[in-house]
Amino acid sequence: MFPISKFSPSRRLRAARHCTPAGARVFFATMSAIAVHDLCKTFGGAVALENISFRVKPGEMLVIVGASGSGKSTLLRCLNGLEIFNAGRVEIGDTVLDPRAPQFRHAVHRARQHVGIVFQSFNLFGHLTALDNVALALKVVRKMESAAAREVAQAYLTKVALGERAGAYPWQLSGGQQQRAAIARALALGPRVMLYDEPTSALDPSLVREVTTIMQTLRREGMTQVLVTHEMKFARNTADHILMLHQGRVIADLPAPEFFENTSNPFIRAFLDHM
């Protein structure tokens, strides 16, 4: 569905030289839903992400924060292979993404079977109803028959409080409703992990709660979630852990209460003071 890379393995290795060595790799003793080890990403000669390492426990909500241009969205896209990183490794459960490995394409395909992603834009097909948008994903990705796909799609639209709007077209839905339909489409595929790239940034403030309520519900149900957002109130109230990026590097990796109460880190204080 998505192109894996325009670059050959040898070119990816050459690009990786722009990233500084991280020394010993970080390995985690317990199984994580997501584990990232020494990830580097360059665009030409510019380093976008440098030696990123962190983990997300099963059922945890990790919120990634930082100023615009700090690498948040790039990092999120690396987690399921939408952006090809140059060095390091990403583990999604027992699937390992390593761009230098010969089976990288296969690993990306396998990882995407278990990872849902929701973007800023809703990416719904305008000529299809909400029900058919969700059902189409099931028919294409899961190879389901039309009747079964529509039944599952209806169930997930109901889950996000859109059951009565299943027959509406995107242009007949509010922004919050469209984003909820996009979340239903991702959830219908049965992911173990959900990724969100600023899912509320295009919404009016009055509609933000429609989307954040769903994420809170999924957290209570044990869904592992990684969220890029500027919604600090939501992050404070809901996140388990905060990862802060600055110029492509991790400058804070803290439990949410510690992050928001931190008075010693000048980057954290300056960031929160401007939010």
Foldseek 3Di string as FASTA:
>chain_A
DADQDPDDLVVLQVQCVLADDPPDWDDDPDFFQKWWIQWWADDVNATQAHGDTDTHHFLAEEEEEEDPSLNPVVVLCCQLRNHPTSATWMDRGPQIAGSNDPCNVVSSVVQLLAEFEQEQDLPFDQVAFLLVSLLVLCCVPVVDDSVVSSVLSLVLCVLLVNNVRRRPGPVVDALLSSSSSSVSSRVSSPHQEYEYEANCPPDDPVSSCSVLVSVQVVSVVRRHYYYYHPPVVSCLVRHQWYFYGGSNYTPDTGGSVCLVPDDPDPSSVVSVVVD
